[in-house]
Amino acid sequence: MKIRYALGLMALVTALVLSACTAVTPVEAQAAPTTDSMDGGEMGDESMGDEKMDDEKMNDESMDGEEMGDESMDGEEMDDESMDGEEMDDEKMDDEEMDGEMMGEPVTFTLTIENISGDSELPSPLAPGAYAVHSGATPLFVAGQADQGLGLEALAEDGDPSGLAAALAGDSAAIHSGVFTTPEGADGPGPLFPGSSYTFTFQAAPGERLSFATMFVQSNDLFFAPDEMGIALFDDEGKPLSEDVTDAVLLWDAGTEVNEEPGVGPNQAPRQAGPNTGEDEMGVVRPVDDGYSYPDVDDLIRVTVTANDME
């Protein structure tokens, strides 16, 4: 009995021990993971960390690339702006050059007035005169209006240009002005007889014109002068002219003294008792039209302009 009891007790204890061992094994397996498993986990974390770092690196590189792209674009914009600036500067220089060419430099001209009336029906001396360079209408007179009292009367009646020259010198409309008084080859001032000439030089720039006035001596108050716009000195392209300009000259009536028959009137300069004699007309400045007969202008006078700088 005792022996049977002892064997049964031992079998029970053995079964309890085995049962306990079997129950503990899974717990230990969960609680004590293998080193390889842990290393794998750590490697996984590190791999994930590396991947995260790679992503961040890629993002940084991507951002840097975008920034570099922006900088590149900015550089291109700056280059474009620089090129635009250069183009604008070139255009500005071109405009300035064109403006300079259009304005042009002053040119020196010579005007020659020849008395060629010797073979005409009415040979006549001419008298010293005045001239002006201008860009608008002539400052010497206004056609269709009475003499302005600035010296034209004395020039047209008595051959005295001094008063008109003084008025022109103070007139802002006259860019340059002066007198011509001495015939070529003469020792001093005096009238211009057939076969002789007056010559004077002046300067003018493109857009400027010339006017002058000289008395037709065998008359009461007639004078030669261009029309109100004066004589063109440059062509349409701004090139200075050298040519005969007689066809631009007219025979004008100052309207200050009643006209007498040309060449015989007692109050005309060669026959009058003194300056400023004769009956006042109270008329206006206009091309002569008084009922008397006069030779054509180009039978009495020849006018030539020469651009000295172009010779």
C-alpha atoms as a PDB file:
ATOM      1  CA  MET A   1       0.000   0.000   0.000  1.00  0.00           C
ATOM      2  CA  LYS A   2       2.697   2.435   0.935  1.00  0.00           C
ATOM      3  CA  ILE A   3       4.676   1.562  -2.170  1.00  0.00           C
ATOM      4  CA  ARG A   4       1.602   2.105  -4.442  1.00  0.00           C
ATOM      5  CA  TYR A   5       0.868   5.372  -2.754  1.00  0.00           C
ATOM      6  CA  ALA A   6       4.425   6.618  -3.237  1.00  0.00           C
ATOM      7  CA  LEU A   7       4.450   5.738  -6.927  1.00  0.00           C
ATOM      8  CA  GLY A   8       1.157   7.532  -7.488  1.00  0.00           C
ATOM      9  CA  LEU A   9       2.364  10.643  -5.710  1.00  0.00           C
ATOM     10  CA  MET A  10       5.521  10.728  -7.817  1.00  0.00           C
ATOM     11  CA  ALA A  11       3.486  10.391 -10.988  1.00  0.00           C
ATOM     12  CA  LEU A  12       1.266  13.300  -9.963  1.00  0.00           C
ATOM     13  CA  VAL A  13       4.225  15.531  -9.135  1.00  0.00           C
ATOM     14  CA  THR A  14       5.866  14.654 -12.471  1.00  0.00           C
ATOM     15  CA  ALA A  15       2.684  15.517 -14.341  1.00  0.00           C
ATOM     16  CA  LEU A  16       2.374  18.863 -12.534  1.00  0.00           C
ATOM     17  CA  VAL A  17       5.985  19.732 -13.300  1.00  0.00           C
ATOM     18  CA  LEU A  18       5.583  18.879 -16.991  1.00  0.00           C
ATOM     19  CA  SER A  19       2.379  20.850 -17.134  1.00  0.00           C
ATOM     20  CA  ALA A  20       4.059  23.875 -15.594  1.00  0.00           C
ATOM     21  CA  CYS A  21       6.953  23.684 -18.012  1.00  0.00           C
ATOM     22  CA  THR A  22       4.583  23.449 -20.949  1.00  0.00           C
ATOM     23  CA  ALA A  23       2.634  26.506 -19.802  1.00  0.00           C
ATOM     24  CA  VAL A  24       5.750  28.585 -19.213  1.00  0.00           C
ATOM     25  CA  THR A  25       7.403  28.002 -22.648  1.00  0.00           C
ATOM     26  CA  PRO A  26       5.165  30.289 -24.742  1.00  0.00           C
ATOM     27  CA  VAL A  27       5.487  33.094 -22.191  1.00  0.00           C
ATOM     28  CA  GLU A  28       9.242  32.878 -22.251  1.00  0.00           C
ATOM     29  CA  ALA A  29       9.183  32.766 -26.021  1.00  0.00           C
ATOM     30  CA  GLN A  30       7.218  36.060 -26.066  1.00  0.00           C
ATOM     31  CA  ALA A  31       9.063  37.705 -23.182  1.00  0.00           C
ATOM     32  CA  ALA A  32      12.543  36.792 -24.362  1.00  0.00           C
ATOM     33  CA  PRO A  33      12.829  37.433 -28.109  1.00  0.00           C
ATOM     34  CA  THR A  34      15.932  36.275 -29.891  1.00  0.00           C
ATOM     35  CA  THR A  35      18.867  38.532 -30.523  1.00  0.00           C
ATOM     36  CA  ASP A  36      18.459  38.136 -34.270  1.00  0.00           C
ATOM     37  CA  SER A  37      14.879  39.284 -34.013  1.00  0.00           C
ATOM     38  CA  MET A  38      15.895  42.363 -32.043  1.00  0.00           C
ATOM     39  CA  ASP A  39      18.683  43.179 -34.465  1.00  0.00           C
ATOM     40  CA  GLY A  40      16.249  42.829 -37.288  1.00  0.00           C
ATOM     41  CA  GLY A  41      13.905  45.222 -35.539  1.00  0.00           C
ATOM     42  CA  GLU A  42      16.656  47.680 -34.940  1.00  0.00           C
ATOM     43  CA  MET A  43      17.704  47.324 -38.551  1.00  0.00           C
ATOM     44  CA  GLY A  44      14.139  47.938 -39.618  1.00  0.00           C
ATOM     45  CA  ASP A  45      14.003  51.075 -37.540  1.00  0.00           C
ATOM     46  CA  GLU A  46      17.334  52.194 -38.882  1.00  0.00           C
ATOM     47  CA  SER A  47      16.176  51.401 -42.428  1.00  0.00           C
ATOM     48  CA  MET A  48      13.042  53.390 -41.872  1.00  0.00           C
ATOM     49  CA  GLY A  49      15.132  56.200 -40.382  1.00  0.00           C
ATOM     50  CA  ASP A  50      17.481  56.085 -43.356  1.00  0.00           C
ATOM     51  CA  GLU A  51      14.574  56.127 -45.739  1.00  0.00           C
ATOM     52  CA  LYS A  52      13.145  59.086 -43.873  1.00  0.00           C
ATOM     53  CA  MET A  53      16.506  60.809 -44.024  1.00  0.00           C
ATOM     54  CA  ASP A  54      16.753  60.012 -47.719  1.00  0.00           C
ATOM     55  CA  ASP A  55      13.327  61.473 -48.276  1.00  0.00           C
ATOM     56  CA  GLU A  56      14.306  64.599 -46.375  1.00  0.00           C
ATOM     57  CA  LYS A  57      17.539  64.764 -48.346  1.00  0.00           C
ATOM     58  CA  MET A  58      15.629  64.377 -51.562  1.00  0.00           C
ATOM     59  CA  ASN A  59      13.218  67.078 -50.460  1.00  0.00           C
ATOM     60  CA  ASP A  60      16.126  69.353 -49.571  1.00  0.00           C
ATOM     61  CA  GLU A  61      17.788  68.652 -52.901  1.00  0.00           C
ATOM     62  CA  SER A  62      14.487  69.217 -54.656  1.00  0.00           C
ATOM     63  CA  MET A  63      14.043  72.519 -52.871  1.00  0.00           C
ATOM     64  CA  ASP A  64      17.637  73.473 -53.611  1.00  0.00           C
ATOM     65  CA  GLY A  65      17.031  72.586 -57.232  1.00  0.00           C
ATOM     66  CA  GLU A  66      13.946  74.712 -57.321  1.00  0.00           C
ATOM     67  CA  GLU A  67      15.819  77.573 -55.675  1.00  0.00           C
ATOM     68  CA  MET A  68      18.634  77.144 -58.158  1.00  0.00           C
ATOM     69  CA  GLY A  69      16.032  77.104 -60.927  1.00  0.00           C
ATOM     70  CA  ASP A  70      14.533  80.300 -59.584  1.00  0.00           C
ATOM     71  CA  GLU A  71      17.969  81.840 -59.371  1.00  0.00           C
ATOM     72  CA  SER A  72      18.647  80.714 -62.926  1.00  0.00           C
ATOM     73  CA  MET A  73      15.362  82.213 -64.038  1.00  0.00           C
ATOM     74  CA  ASP A  74      16.172  85.412 -62.156  1.00  0.00           C
ATOM     75  CA  GLY A  75      19.526  85.442 -63.880  1.00  0.00           C
ATOM     76  CA  GLU A  76      17.842  85.039 -67.231  1.00  0.00           C
ATOM     77  CA  GLU A  77      15.425  87.850 -66.363  1.00  0.00           C
ATOM     78  CA  MET A  78      18.351  90.012 -65.337  1.00  0.00           C
ATOM     79  CA  ASP A  79      20.083  89.181 -68.607  1.00  0.00           C
ATOM     80  CA  ASP A  80      16.907  90.047 -70.493  1.00  0.00           C
ATOM     81  CA  GLU A  81      16.638  93.302 -68.567  1.00  0.00           C
ATOM     82  CA  SER A  82      20.291  94.003 -69.280  1.00  0.00           C
ATOM     83  CA  MET A  83      19.741  93.306 -72.955  1.00  0.00           C
ATOM     84  CA  ASP A  84      16.604  95.450 -72.936  1.00  0.00           C
ATOM     85  CA  GLY A  85      18.594  98.223 -71.272  1.00  0.00           C
ATOM     86  CA  GLU A  86      21.305  97.950 -73.899  1.00  0.00           C
ATOM     87  CA  GLU A  87      18.710  97.998 -76.665  1.00  0.00           C
ATOM     88  CA  MET A  88      17.073 101.047 -75.115  1.00  0.00           C
ATOM     89  CA  ASP A  89      20.462 102.752 -74.841  1.00  0.00           C
ATOM     90  CA  ASP A  90      21.179 101.915 -78.485  1.00  0.00           C
ATOM     91  CA  GLU A  91      17.774 103.252 -79.520  1.00  0.00           C
ATOM     92  CA  LYS A  92      18.378 106.404 -77.465  1.00  0.00           C
ATOM     93  CA  MET A  93      21.755 106.886 -79.114  1.00  0.00           C
ATOM     94  CA  ASP A  94      20.204 106.303 -82.532  1.00  0.00           C
ATOM     95  CA  ASP A  95      17.456 108.852 -81.752  1.00  0.00           C
ATOM     96  CA  GLU A  96      20.028 111.370 -80.578  1.00  0.00           C
ATOM     97  CA  GLU A  97      22.109 110.791 -83.695  1.00  0.00           C
ATOM     98  CA  MET A  98      19.014 111.213 -85.870  1.00  0.00           C
ATOM     99  CA  ASP A  99      18.064 114.374 -83.984  1.00  0.00           C
ATOM    100  CA  GLY A 100      21.590 115.682 -84.439  1.00  0.00           C
ATOM    101  CA  GLU A 101      21.508 114.944 -88.154  1.00  0.00           C
ATOM    102  CA  MET A 102      18.093 116.564 -88.531  1.00  0.00           C
ATOM    103  CA  MET A 103      19.165 119.686 -86.660  1.00  0.00           C
ATOM    104  CA  GLY A 104      22.500 119.809 -88.500  1.00  0.00           C
ATOM    105  CA  GLU A 105      25.455 122.097 -88.028  1.00  0.00           C
ATOM    106  CA  PRO A 106      25.388 125.699 -89.269  1.00  0.00           C
ATOM    107  CA  VAL A 107      26.674 126.164 -92.808  1.00  0.00           C
ATOM    108  CA  THR A 108      28.453 129.253 -94.107  1.00  0.00           C
ATOM    109  CA  PHE A 109      26.854 130.698 -97.241  1.00  0.00           C
ATOM    110  CA  THR A 110      27.758 133.497 -99.622  1.00  0.00           C
ATOM    111  CA  LEU A 111      25.060 135.558-101.301  1.00  0.00           C
ATOM    112  CA  THR A 112      25.913 137.490-104.448  1.00  0.00           C
ATOM    113  CA  ILE A 113      23.612 140.205-105.815  1.00  0.00           C
ATOM    114  CA  GLU A 114      24.549 141.296-109.323  1.00  0.00           C
ATOM    115  CA  ASN A 115      23.190 144.344-111.129  1.00  0.00           C
ATOM    116  CA  ILE A 116      22.529 143.145-114.672  1.00  0.00           C
ATOM    117  CA  SER A 117      20.170 145.965-115.673  1.00  0.00           C
ATOM    118  CA  GLY A 118      22.589 147.531-118.154  1.00  0.00           C
ATOM    119  CA  ASP A 119      20.956 145.877-121.163  1.00  0.00           C
ATOM    120  CA  SER A 120      17.398 146.298-119.904  1.00  0.00           C
ATOM    121  CA  GLU A 121      14.819 148.953-120.870  1.00  0.00           C
ATOM    122  CA  LEU A 122      15.453 150.660-117.536  1.00  0.00           C
ATOM    123  CA  PRO A 123      19.072 150.525-116.363  1.00  0.00           C
ATOM    124  CA  SER A 124      19.214 151.430-112.691  1.00  0.00           C
ATOM    125  CA  PRO A 125      21.608 151.440-109.785  1.00  0.00           C
ATOM    126  CA  LEU A 126      20.804 149.378-106.682  1.00  0.00           C
ATOM    127  CA  ALA A 127      21.485 150.647-103.175  1.00  0.00           C
ATOM    128  CA  PRO A 128      23.075 149.234-100.008  1.00  0.00           C
ATOM    129  CA  GLY A 129      20.710 146.879 -98.226  1.00  0.00           C
ATOM    130  CA  ALA A 130      19.986 144.780 -95.157  1.00  0.00           C
ATOM    131  CA  TYR A 131      19.512 141.048 -94.620  1.00  0.00           C
ATOM    132  CA  ALA A 132      18.288 138.610 -91.987  1.00  0.00           C
ATOM    133  CA  VAL A 133      18.402 134.846 -91.403  1.00  0.00           C
ATOM    134  CA  HIS A 134      15.136 133.564 -89.947  1.00  0.00           C
ATOM    135  CA  SER A 135      13.104 130.397 -89.426  1.00  0.00           C
ATOM    136  CA  GLY A 136       9.597 131.878 -89.689  1.00  0.00           C
ATOM    137  CA  ALA A 137       8.274 134.650 -91.942  1.00  0.00           C
ATOM    138  CA  THR A 138      10.639 137.456 -92.884  1.00  0.00           C
ATOM    139  CA  PRO A 139      11.142 140.071 -90.146  1.00  0.00           C
ATOM    140  CA  LEU A 140      11.762 142.799 -92.757  1.00  0.00           C
ATOM    141  CA  PHE A 141       8.096 143.515 -93.552  1.00  0.00           C
ATOM    142  CA  VAL A 142       4.570 142.090 -93.551  1.00  0.00           C
ATOM    143  CA  ALA A 143       2.952 141.839 -96.988  1.00  0.00           C
ATOM    144  CA  GLY A 144      -0.427 143.533 -97.196  1.00  0.00           C
ATOM    145  CA  GLN A 145       0.252 145.749 -94.175  1.00  0.00           C
ATOM    146  CA  ALA A 146       1.640 149.271 -93.840  1.00  0.00           C
ATOM    147  CA  ASP A 147       5.346 149.727 -93.209  1.00  0.00           C
ATOM    148  CA  GLN A 148       6.072 149.060 -89.519  1.00  0.00           C
ATOM    149  CA  GLY A 149       8.259 152.154 -89.153  1.00  0.00           C
ATOM    150  CA  LEU A 150      11.376 150.082 -88.462  1.00  0.00           C
ATOM    151  CA  GLY A 151      13.533 151.465 -91.267  1.00  0.00           C
ATOM    152  CA  LEU A 152      12.070 149.966 -94.443  1.00  0.00           C
ATOM    153  CA  GLU A 153      10.902 153.411 -95.645  1.00  0.00           C
ATOM    154  CA  ALA A 154      14.402 154.918 -95.570  1.00  0.00           C
ATOM    155  CA  LEU A 155      15.814 151.862 -97.373  1.00  0.00           C
ATOM    156  CA  ALA A 156      13.137 151.894-100.104  1.00  0.00           C
ATOM    157  CA  GLU A 157      13.048 155.696-100.668  1.00  0.00           C
ATOM    158  CA  ASP A 158      16.648 156.766-100.053  1.00  0.00           C
ATOM    159  CA  GLY A 159      18.803 153.640-100.112  1.00  0.00           C
ATOM    160  CA  ASP A 160      19.696 153.913 -96.414  1.00  0.00           C
ATOM    161  CA  PRO A 161      19.672 150.488 -94.646  1.00  0.00           C
ATOM    162  CA  SER A 162      20.983 151.632 -91.261  1.00  0.00           C
ATOM    163  CA  GLY A 163      17.624 152.007 -89.496  1.00  0.00           C
ATOM    164  CA  LEU A 164      16.304 148.623 -90.671  1.00  0.00           C
ATOM    165  CA  ALA A 165      19.602 146.932 -89.765  1.00  0.00           C
ATOM    166  CA  ALA A 166      19.397 148.350 -86.237  1.00  0.00           C
ATOM    167  CA  ALA A 167      15.813 147.108 -85.853  1.00  0.00           C
ATOM    168  CA  LEU A 168      16.754 143.617 -87.074  1.00  0.00           C
ATOM    169  CA  ALA A 169      19.665 143.473 -84.639  1.00  0.00           C
ATOM    170  CA  GLY A 170      17.182 143.765 -81.777  1.00  0.00           C
ATOM    171  CA  ASP A 171      14.542 141.460 -83.261  1.00  0.00           C
ATOM    172  CA  SER A 172      14.493 137.908 -81.865  1.00  0.00           C
ATOM    173  CA  ALA A 173      12.974 136.699 -85.142  1.00  0.00           C
ATOM    174  CA  ALA A 174      16.248 137.567 -86.885  1.00  0.00           C
ATOM    175  CA  ILE A 175      18.706 134.776 -86.035  1.00  0.00           C
ATOM    176  CA  HIS A 176      21.512 136.618 -87.836  1.00  0.00           C
ATOM    177  CA  SER A 177      21.351 139.987 -89.569  1.00  0.00           C
ATOM    178  CA  GLY A 178      23.521 142.668 -91.112  1.00  0.00           C
ATOM    179  CA  VAL A 179      24.076 145.025 -94.041  1.00  0.00           C
ATOM    180  CA  PHE A 180      25.772 144.885 -97.413  1.00  0.00           C
ATOM    181  CA  THR A 181      27.069 148.282 -98.492  1.00  0.00           C
ATOM    182  CA  THR A 182      30.251 147.976-100.535  1.00  0.00           C
ATOM    183  CA  PRO A 183      30.348 146.754-104.150  1.00  0.00           C
ATOM    184  CA  GLU A 184      32.952 144.122-104.974  1.00  0.00           C
ATOM    185  CA  GLY A 185      36.266 145.832-105.744  1.00  0.00           C
ATOM    186  CA  ALA A 186      35.138 149.216-104.397  1.00  0.00           C
ATOM    187  CA  ASP A 187      37.058 151.153-101.759  1.00  0.00           C
ATOM    188  CA  GLY A 188      33.988 151.914 -99.659  1.00  0.00           C
ATOM    189  CA  PRO A 189      30.191 151.857 -99.409  1.00  0.00           C
ATOM    190  CA  GLY A 190      28.173 153.073-102.352  1.00  0.00           C
ATOM    191  CA  PRO A 191      25.437 152.287-104.899  1.00  0.00           C
ATOM    192  CA  LEU A 192      25.651 149.221-107.141  1.00  0.00           C
ATOM    193  CA  PHE A 193      25.859 150.177-110.800  1.00  0.00           C
ATOM    194  CA  PRO A 194      25.209 147.791-113.711  1.00  0.00           C
ATOM    195  CA  GLY A 195      27.976 145.220-114.037  1.00  0.00           C
ATOM    196  CA  SER A 196      28.869 145.272-110.313  1.00  0.00           C
ATOM    197  CA  SER A 197      27.851 143.069-107.364  1.00  0.00           C
ATOM    198  CA  TYR A 198      27.352 143.053-103.629  1.00  0.00           C
ATOM    199  CA  THR A 199      28.593 139.967-101.760  1.00  0.00           C
ATOM    200  CA  PHE A 200      28.195 138.980 -98.129  1.00  0.00           C
ATOM    201  CA  THR A 201      28.572 135.809 -96.070  1.00  0.00           C
ATOM    202  CA  PHE A 202      26.335 134.467 -93.309  1.00  0.00           C
ATOM    203  CA  GLN A 203      25.607 131.261 -91.429  1.00  0.00           C
ATOM    204  CA  ALA A 204      22.384 129.260 -91.351  1.00  0.00           C
ATOM    205  CA  ALA A 205      21.247 125.843 -90.135  1.00  0.00           C
ATOM    206  CA  PRO A 206      18.696 123.490 -91.726  1.00  0.00           C
ATOM    207  CA  GLY A 207      15.200 124.996 -91.481  1.00  0.00           C
ATOM    208  CA  GLU A 208      16.481 128.575 -91.619  1.00  0.00           C
ATOM    209  CA  ARG A 209      15.991 130.917 -94.582  1.00  0.00           C
ATOM    210  CA  LEU A 210      17.341 134.220 -95.859  1.00  0.00           C
ATOM    211  CA  SER A 211      15.667 137.551 -96.601  1.00  0.00           C
ATOM    212  CA  PHE A 212      17.244 140.763 -97.878  1.00  0.00           C
ATOM    213  CA  ALA A 213      16.118 144.124 -99.268  1.00  0.00           C
ATOM    214  CA  THR A 214      17.856 146.535-101.655  1.00  0.00           C
ATOM    215  CA  MET A 215      16.415 149.663-103.303  1.00  0.00           C
ATOM    216  CA  PHE A 216      15.577 149.873-107.004  1.00  0.00           C
ATOM    217  CA  VAL A 217      17.011 153.383-107.300  1.00  0.00           C
ATOM    218  CA  GLN A 218      15.035 154.607-110.377  1.00  0.00           C
ATOM    219  CA  SER A 219      11.817 154.627-108.331  1.00  0.00           C
ATOM    220  CA  ASN A 220      10.128 156.402-105.452  1.00  0.00           C
ATOM    221  CA  ASP A 221       9.969 153.512-102.955  1.00  0.00           C
ATOM    222  CA  LEU A 222      10.512 150.196-104.738  1.00  0.00           C
ATOM    223  CA  PHE A 223      12.873 147.493-103.485  1.00  0.00           C
ATOM    224  CA  PHE A 224      13.969 143.973-104.364  1.00  0.00           C
ATOM    225  CA  ALA A 225      13.352 141.236-101.806  1.00  0.00           C
ATOM    226  CA  PRO A 226      12.238 137.596-101.618  1.00  0.00           C
ATOM    227  CA  ASP A 227       8.649 136.757-100.688  1.00  0.00           C
ATOM    228  CA  GLU A 228       7.566 136.644 -97.048  1.00  0.00           C
ATOM    229  CA  MET A 229       9.058 133.188 -96.433  1.00  0.00           C
ATOM    230  CA  GLY A 230      12.500 134.167 -97.684  1.00  0.00           C
ATOM    231  CA  ILE A 231      14.973 132.137 -99.752  1.00  0.00           C
ATOM    232  CA  ALA A 232      15.325 128.413 -99.020  1.00  0.00           C
ATOM    233  CA  LEU A 233      18.907 127.513 -98.163  1.00  0.00           C
ATOM    234  CA  PHE A 234      18.486 123.733 -97.754  1.00  0.00           C
ATOM    235  CA  ASP A 235      16.634 121.075 -99.709  1.00  0.00           C
ATOM    236  CA  ASP A 236      14.017 118.724 -98.228  1.00  0.00           C
ATOM    237  CA  GLU A 237      16.760 116.368 -96.989  1.00  0.00           C
ATOM    238  CA  GLY A 238      18.583 119.145 -95.144  1.00  0.00           C
ATOM    239  CA  LYS A 239      21.399 119.498 -97.683  1.00  0.00           C
ATOM    240  CA  PRO A 240      22.652 123.071 -98.286  1.00  0.00           C
ATOM    241  CA  LEU A 241      21.899 124.615-101.651  1.00  0.00           C
ATOM    242  CA  SER A 242      24.238 126.321-104.093  1.00  0.00           C
ATOM    243  CA  GLU A 243      22.226 127.810-106.936  1.00  0.00           C
ATOM    244  CA  ASP A 244      20.737 130.779-108.698  1.00  0.00           C
ATOM    245  CA  VAL A 245      17.784 131.981-106.589  1.00  0.00           C
ATOM    246  CA  THR A 246      16.715 134.969-108.689  1.00  0.00           C
ATOM    247  CA  ASP A 247      13.300 133.418-109.281  1.00  0.00           C
ATOM    248  CA  ALA A 248      12.628 133.803-105.517  1.00  0.00           C
ATOM    249  CA  VAL A 249      13.048 137.603-105.745  1.00  0.00           C
ATOM    250  CA  LEU A 250      10.233 140.117-106.344  1.00  0.00           C
ATOM    251  CA  LEU A 251      10.046 143.866-106.961  1.00  0.00           C
ATOM    252  CA  TRP A 252       8.096 145.294-104.001  1.00  0.00           C
ATOM    253  CA  ASP A 253       6.370 148.634-103.377  1.00  0.00           C
ATOM    254  CA  ALA A 254       6.876 149.892 -99.808  1.00  0.00           C
ATOM    255  CA  GLY A 255       3.634 151.917 -99.979  1.00  0.00           C
ATOM    256  CA  THR A 256       5.266 154.905 -98.267  1.00  0.00           C
ATOM    257  CA  GLU A 257       5.543 157.345-101.235  1.00  0.00           C
ATOM    258  CA  VAL A 258       3.360 157.926-104.263  1.00  0.00           C
ATOM    259  CA  ASN A 259       4.968 156.385-107.336  1.00  0.00           C
ATOM    260  CA  GLU A 260       6.048 158.469-110.301  1.00  0.00           C
ATOM    261  CA  GLU A 261       7.021 157.246-113.727  1.00  0.00           C
ATOM    262  CA  PRO A 262      10.115 155.111-113.170  1.00  0.00           C
ATOM    263  CA  GLY A 263      13.376 156.677-114.297  1.00  0.00           C
ATOM    264  CA  VAL A 264      11.986 160.201-114.712  1.00  0.00           C
ATOM    265  CA  GLY A 265      10.140 161.145-111.501  1.00  0.00           C
ATOM    266  CA  PRO A 266      11.497 164.300-109.839  1.00  0.00           C
ATOM    267  CA  ASN A 267      11.162 162.843-106.362  1.00  0.00           C
ATOM    268  CA  GLN A 268      13.145 159.724-107.134  1.00  0.00           C
ATOM    269  CA  ALA A 269      16.575 159.368-105.543  1.00  0.00           C
ATOM    270  CA  PRO A 270      18.754 160.414-108.518  1.00  0.00           C
ATOM    271  CA  ARG A 271      16.721 163.649-108.982  1.00  0.00           C
ATOM    272  CA  GLN A 272      15.186 164.533-105.608  1.00  0.00           C
ATOM    273  CA  ALA A 273      16.272 167.590-103.673  1.00  0.00           C
ATOM    274  CA  GLY A 274      16.960 165.610-100.500  1.00  0.00           C
ATOM    275  CA  PRO A 275      16.069 162.481 -98.546  1.00  0.00           C
ATOM    276  CA  ASN A 276      12.462 161.699 -97.703  1.00  0.00           C
ATOM    277  CA  THR A 277      10.881 163.975-100.274  1.00  0.00           C
ATOM    278  CA  GLY A 278       7.799 163.174-102.301  1.00  0.00           C
ATOM    279  CA  GLU A 279       4.133 162.703-101.479  1.00  0.00           C
ATOM    280  CA  ASP A 280       3.247 160.222 -98.741  1.00  0.00           C
ATOM    281  CA  GLU A 281       1.199 157.316-100.024  1.00  0.00           C
ATOM    282  CA  MET A 282      -0.078 155.752 -96.794  1.00  0.00           C
ATOM    283  CA  GLY A 283      -0.310 152.425 -98.608  1.00  0.00           C
ATOM    284  CA  VAL A 284       0.726 148.852 -97.803  1.00  0.00           C
ATOM    285  CA  VAL A 285       3.726 146.704 -98.689  1.00  0.00           C
ATOM    286  CA  ARG A 286       2.947 144.690-101.821  1.00  0.00           C
ATOM    287  CA  PRO A 287       4.464 143.545-105.132  1.00  0.00           C
ATOM    288  CA  VAL A 288       4.533 146.604-107.393  1.00  0.00           C
ATOM    289  CA  ASP A 289       1.340 147.157-109.360  1.00  0.00           C
ATOM    290  CA  ASP A 290       1.029 150.869-110.086  1.00  0.00           C
ATOM    291  CA  GLY A 291       0.151 150.967-113.780  1.00  0.00           C
ATOM    292  CA  TYR A 292       3.713 151.705-114.927  1.00  0.00           C
ATOM    293  CA  SER A 293       5.851 149.346-116.948  1.00  0.00           C
ATOM    294  CA  TYR A 294       8.920 147.692-115.409  1.00  0.00           C
ATOM    295  CA  PRO A 295      11.419 145.208-116.833  1.00  0.00           C
ATOM    296  CA  ASP A 296      11.272 141.645-115.525  1.00  0.00           C
ATOM    297  CA  VAL A 297      13.176 141.092-112.308  1.00  0.00           C
ATOM    298  CA  ASP A 298      15.616 138.670-113.933  1.00  0.00           C
ATOM    299  CA  ASP A 299      16.524 141.406-116.464  1.00  0.00           C
ATOM    300  CA  LEU A 300      17.551 143.733-113.645  1.00  0.00           C
ATOM    301  CA  ILE A 301      19.146 141.550-110.975  1.00  0.00           C
ATOM    302  CA  ARG A 302      20.783 138.135-110.516  1.00  0.00           C
ATOM    303  CA  VAL A 303      21.000 136.540-107.077  1.00  0.00           C
ATOM    304  CA  THR A 304      23.128 133.487-106.327  1.00  0.00           C
ATOM    305  CA  VAL A 305      23.590 131.567-103.065  1.00  0.00           C
ATOM    306  CA  THR A 306      26.635 129.355-102.495  1.00  0.00           C
ATOM    307  CA  ALA A 307      27.230 126.935 -99.629  1.00  0.00           C
ATOM    308  CA  ASN A 308      30.916 127.576 -98.894  1.00  0.00           C
ATOM    309  CA  ASP A 309      31.397 124.464 -96.727  1.00  0.00           C
ATOM    310  CA  MET A 310      30.260 122.241 -99.604  1.00  0.00           C
ATOM    311  CA  GLU A 311      32.742 123.536-102.154  1.00  0.00           C
END
